[in-house]
Amino acid sequence: MVRLLVVEDDPYWQQAIQAIVNGQPEYHVVSWCANLRQALHSIQTESYDLMIVDLGLPDGSGIEAIRAARQCQPEADILVATVFADEGNVVAAIFAGATGYLLKESTPAQWSAAIDDLRAGHSPIDPKIARHILGAVQQRGSATLPAPKGDIRSLPPSIGTGGSQDPKLSPREMEVLQLVAKGFTLVEVARFLSLSPHTTRSHAKAIYRKLEVSTRGEAVFEASLLGLI
């Protein structure tokens, strides 16, 4: 059973998502939220495996819901399903903690595939979105790095981003970071390393603190620029 928390204000798309849910017996919606206020309440009171969230809400931005969900239930996946494909919204949503990004024009099969990919530990991104992400990474890299003559990994770790230049991760933290970078969830990392989920979350928090980031995506991005992975 995959428990879904849906944040969507448009009746048309509510019905479309409901049709997708009806076609998948393992999907179960624990809460329908038509605005940000309802979403923030449900995030704190409901248990769910995956949140489907639109960015354009009548009383705020879905990005606020993403941040709240990442803090309250860090193990849950977050799928953005929206009409917004501009670079600003894409990057902001991913940096806030979204683990997948789907345009609403996608087919029901693509929606189901995205949900299944998320539950398998992957990060599905609509192909039309990928160029925006690459553009943001390239723009950030050009602003913080000298023009490289070779591979970016050949640059010394001291040249990098706004995060810590020498995070001094412990061997165990490095193991967790490397597994997360490969797409494993923290629950899967805990199982793989024979640790409790609580211990693994503590390692993840330490990694975020040392890298001066707040989400899994940012951690992987910073670590790659620092040459840690």
Protein backbone atom coordinates (compact mmCIF):
# COMPACT_ATOMS: atom_id res chain seq x y z
CA MET A 1 0.00 0.00 0.00
CA VAL A 2 1.35 3.42 -1.02
CA ARG A 3 -0.17 6.19 1.10
CA LEU A 4 -0.55 9.43 -0.84
CA LEU A 5 -1.04 12.98 0.38
CA VAL A 6 -2.32 15.08 -2.53
CA VAL A 7 -2.01 18.88 -2.60
CA GLU A 8 -4.02 20.15 -5.59
CA ASP A 9 -6.59 22.94 -5.83
CA ASP A 10 -7.84 22.46 -9.41
CA PRO A 11 -10.96 20.20 -9.54
CA TYR A 12 -9.99 18.96 -13.00
CA TRP A 13 -6.62 17.71 -11.82
CA GLN A 14 -8.11 16.37 -8.60
CA GLN A 15 -10.33 14.16 -10.75
CA ALA A 16 -7.41 13.20 -12.99
CA ILE A 17 -5.31 12.12 -10.00
CA GLN A 18 -8.30 10.28 -8.53
CA ALA A 19 -8.66 8.36 -11.80
CA ILE A 20 -4.99 7.34 -11.61
CA VAL A 21 -5.44 6.25 -7.99
CA ASN A 22 -8.54 4.25 -8.90
CA GLY A 23 -6.52 2.39 -11.52
CA GLN A 24 -3.89 1.33 -9.01
CA PRO A 25 -5.30 -0.70 -6.09
CA GLU A 26 -2.08 -0.29 -4.10
CA TYR A 27 -2.52 3.51 -4.00
CA HIS A 28 -4.49 5.04 -1.14
CA VAL A 29 -5.04 8.78 -0.62
CA VAL A 30 -4.89 9.68 3.08
CA SER A 31 -5.66 13.37 2.54
CA TRP A 32 -6.81 15.73 -0.24
CA CYS A 33 -5.61 19.31 0.28
CA ALA A 34 -6.95 22.17 -1.83
CA ASN A 35 -4.68 24.88 -0.44
CA LEU A 36 -1.46 25.47 1.47
CA ARG A 37 -3.17 25.79 4.85
CA GLN A 38 -4.76 22.36 4.54
CA ALA A 39 -1.49 20.92 3.27
CA LEU A 40 0.54 22.19 6.23
CA HIS A 41 -2.04 20.74 8.62
CA SER A 42 -2.10 17.32 6.91
CA ILE A 43 1.69 17.19 6.71
CA GLN A 44 1.80 17.42 10.49
CA THR A 45 -1.10 15.08 11.25
CA GLU A 46 -1.12 12.37 8.55
CA SER A 47 1.25 9.48 7.88
CA TYR A 48 2.05 9.10 4.20
CA ASP A 49 4.66 7.62 1.88
CA LEU A 50 4.47 10.14 -0.94
CA MET A 51 3.17 13.66 -1.36
CA ILE A 52 1.96 14.84 -4.77
CA VAL A 53 2.04 18.63 -4.74
CA ASP A 54 1.17 21.42 -7.15
CA LEU A 55 3.20 24.63 -6.89
CA GLY A 56 0.44 27.13 -7.68
CA LEU A 57 -1.90 27.15 -4.68
CA PRO A 58 -4.53 29.82 -3.94
CA ASP A 59 -2.99 30.85 -0.61
CA GLY A 60 0.72 30.34 -1.21
CA SER A 61 3.35 28.26 -2.95
CA GLY A 62 3.60 24.50 -2.94
CA ILE A 63 7.31 24.98 -2.26
CA GLU A 64 6.36 25.89 1.33
CA ALA A 65 4.57 22.56 1.61
CA ILE A 66 7.65 20.79 0.25
CA ARG A 67 9.86 22.39 2.89
CA ALA A 68 7.40 21.51 5.65
CA ALA A 69 7.10 17.90 4.45
CA ARG A 70 10.86 17.51 4.29
CA GLN A 71 11.15 18.65 7.91
CA CYS A 72 8.17 16.72 9.33
CA GLN A 73 8.48 13.47 7.40
CA PRO A 74 11.93 13.33 5.77
CA GLU A 75 11.50 9.72 4.66
CA ALA A 76 8.47 10.49 2.48
CA ASP A 77 8.93 11.08 -1.24
CA ILE A 78 7.72 14.32 -2.82
CA LEU A 79 6.48 14.46 -6.40
CA VAL A 80 5.85 17.89 -7.91
CA ALA A 81 3.04 17.73 -10.46
CA THR A 82 2.53 21.13 -12.03
CA VAL A 83 2.20 23.20 -15.19
CA PHE A 84 5.20 25.30 -14.15
CA ALA A 85 8.26 24.32 -16.19
CA ASP A 86 10.29 27.51 -15.77
CA GLU A 87 13.80 27.23 -14.33
CA GLY A 88 13.03 29.25 -11.19
CA ASN A 89 10.22 26.96 -10.02
CA VAL A 90 12.05 23.79 -11.01
CA VAL A 91 15.23 24.61 -9.12
CA ALA A 92 13.41 26.05 -6.11
CA ALA A 93 11.26 22.92 -5.78
CA ILE A 94 14.21 20.55 -6.02
CA PHE A 95 16.33 22.54 -3.58
CA ALA A 96 13.36 22.63 -1.19
CA GLY A 97 13.36 18.84 -1.14
CA ALA A 98 11.30 17.50 -4.06
CA THR A 99 12.45 14.06 -5.19
CA GLY A 100 10.59 14.02 -8.51
CA TYR A 101 9.18 16.57 -10.98
CA LEU A 102 6.35 15.77 -13.37
CA LEU A 103 4.45 18.04 -15.75
CA LYS A 104 0.66 17.70 -15.62
CA GLU A 105 0.54 17.05 -19.33
CA SER A 106 2.04 13.62 -18.64
CA THR A 107 -0.05 10.54 -19.37
CA PRO A 108 -1.59 8.39 -16.60
CA ALA A 109 1.04 5.73 -17.38
CA GLN A 110 3.80 8.30 -16.86
CA TRP A 111 2.23 9.36 -13.56
CA SER A 112 2.13 5.78 -12.31
CA ALA A 113 5.66 5.14 -13.54
CA ALA A 114 6.90 8.25 -11.71
CA ILE A 115 5.28 7.12 -8.45
CA ASP A 116 6.73 3.62 -8.82
CA ASP A 117 10.18 5.07 -9.57
CA LEU A 118 10.03 7.23 -6.47
CA ARG A 119 9.06 4.29 -4.27
CA ALA A 120 12.00 2.35 -5.77
CA GLY A 121 14.39 5.08 -4.63
CA HIS A 122 14.81 6.88 -7.96
CA SER A 123 14.17 10.53 -8.82
CA PRO A 124 11.96 10.77 -11.93
CA ILE A 125 12.30 14.06 -13.80
CA ASP A 126 10.24 15.02 -16.84
CA PRO A 127 12.63 15.25 -19.85
CA LYS A 128 11.45 18.82 -20.50
CA ILE A 129 12.64 19.73 -17.00
CA ALA A 130 16.13 18.25 -17.28
CA ARG A 131 17.46 21.14 -19.38
CA HIS A 132 16.44 23.64 -16.68
CA ILE A 133 18.29 21.67 -14.04
CA LEU A 134 21.41 21.44 -16.18
CA GLY A 135 21.21 25.16 -16.86
CA ALA A 136 21.00 25.96 -13.15
CA VAL A 137 23.93 23.70 -12.32
CA GLN A 138 26.03 25.16 -15.11
CA GLN A 139 25.16 28.71 -14.08
CA ARG A 140 26.05 28.04 -10.45
CA GLY A 141 29.26 26.28 -11.46
CA SER A 142 30.36 29.14 -13.72
CA ALA A 143 29.77 31.61 -10.90
CA THR A 144 31.84 29.70 -8.34
CA LEU A 145 34.46 27.81 -10.35
CA PRO A 146 37.21 28.90 -12.74
CA ALA A 147 36.85 27.59 -16.26
CA PRO A 148 38.18 24.02 -15.96
CA LYS A 149 40.69 22.67 -18.45
CA GLY A 150 39.76 19.10 -17.60
CA ASP A 151 37.13 17.19 -15.70
CA ILE A 152 35.49 19.06 -12.82
CA ARG A 153 36.52 16.27 -10.47
CA SER A 154 40.17 17.14 -11.13
CA LEU A 155 39.69 20.48 -9.37
CA PRO A 156 40.86 20.62 -5.76
CA PRO A 157 38.09 20.28 -3.16
CA SER A 158 38.92 23.73 -1.78
CA ILE A 159 37.43 25.24 -4.94
CA GLY A 160 33.69 24.96 -4.71
CA THR A 161 30.42 26.30 -3.56
CA GLY A 162 29.06 28.32 -0.71
CA GLY A 163 29.15 25.24 1.53
CA SER A 164 31.98 24.06 3.75
CA GLN A 165 35.28 23.63 1.91
CA ASP A 166 36.46 20.92 4.33
CA PRO A 167 33.40 19.20 5.77
CA LYS A 168 35.43 16.43 7.51
CA LEU A 169 32.83 13.72 7.11
CA SER A 170 33.39 10.59 9.17
CA PRO A 171 33.90 7.25 7.35
CA ARG A 172 30.34 6.21 8.23
CA GLU A 173 28.95 9.54 7.00
CA MET A 174 30.83 9.04 3.75
CA GLU A 175 29.23 5.60 3.37
CA VAL A 176 25.77 7.08 3.90
CA LEU A 177 26.45 9.95 1.49
CA GLN A 178 27.72 7.64 -1.25
CA LEU A 179 24.68 5.37 -0.98
CA VAL A 180 22.29 8.35 -0.99
CA ALA A 181 24.07 9.68 -4.09
CA LYS A 182 23.33 6.36 -5.80
CA GLY A 183 19.61 6.89 -5.21
CA PHE A 184 19.01 4.76 -2.10
CA THR A 185 16.53 6.05 0.47
CA LEU A 186 17.62 6.43 4.10
CA VAL A 187 15.57 3.37 5.02
CA GLU A 188 17.41 1.34 2.39
CA VAL A 189 20.75 2.76 3.54
CA ALA A 190 19.97 1.70 7.10
CA ARG A 191 19.15 -1.82 5.96
CA PHE A 192 22.25 -2.03 3.77
CA LEU A 193 24.60 -0.83 6.54
CA SER A 194 22.80 -2.82 9.28
CA LEU A 195 21.93 0.37 11.16
CA SER A 196 18.70 1.58 12.72
CA PRO A 197 16.73 4.17 10.69
CA HIS A 198 17.20 6.61 13.58
CA THR A 199 20.99 6.26 13.41
CA THR A 200 20.97 6.71 9.65
CA ARG A 201 18.85 9.86 9.93
CA SER A 202 21.32 11.20 12.50
CA HIS A 203 24.18 10.60 10.06
CA ALA A 204 22.18 12.35 7.32
CA LYS A 205 21.56 15.37 9.55
CA ALA A 206 25.27 15.53 10.35
CA ILE A 207 26.09 15.42 6.63
CA TYR A 208 23.62 18.22 5.90
CA ARG A 209 25.06 20.32 8.72
CA LYS A 210 28.68 19.85 7.62
CA LEU A 211 27.89 20.54 3.97
CA GLU A 212 25.68 23.47 4.99
CA VAL A 213 22.66 22.20 3.04
CA SER A 214 19.12 21.15 3.95
CA THR A 215 18.05 18.51 1.40
CA ARG A 216 19.29 15.29 -0.16
CA GLY A 217 19.61 16.89 -3.59
CA GLU A 218 21.69 19.78 -2.28
CA ALA A 219 23.92 17.37 -0.35
CA VAL A 220 24.66 15.32 -3.44
CA PHE A 221 25.24 18.46 -5.51
CA GLU A 222 27.65 19.98 -2.97
CA ALA A 223 29.48 16.69 -2.43
CA SER A 224 30.00 16.22 -6.16
CA LEU A 225 31.52 19.68 -6.52
CA LEU A 226 33.76 19.05 -3.52
CA GLY A 227 34.97 15.79 -5.06
CA LEU A 228 33.56 13.65 -2.25
CA ILE A 229 31.52 11.41 -4.56
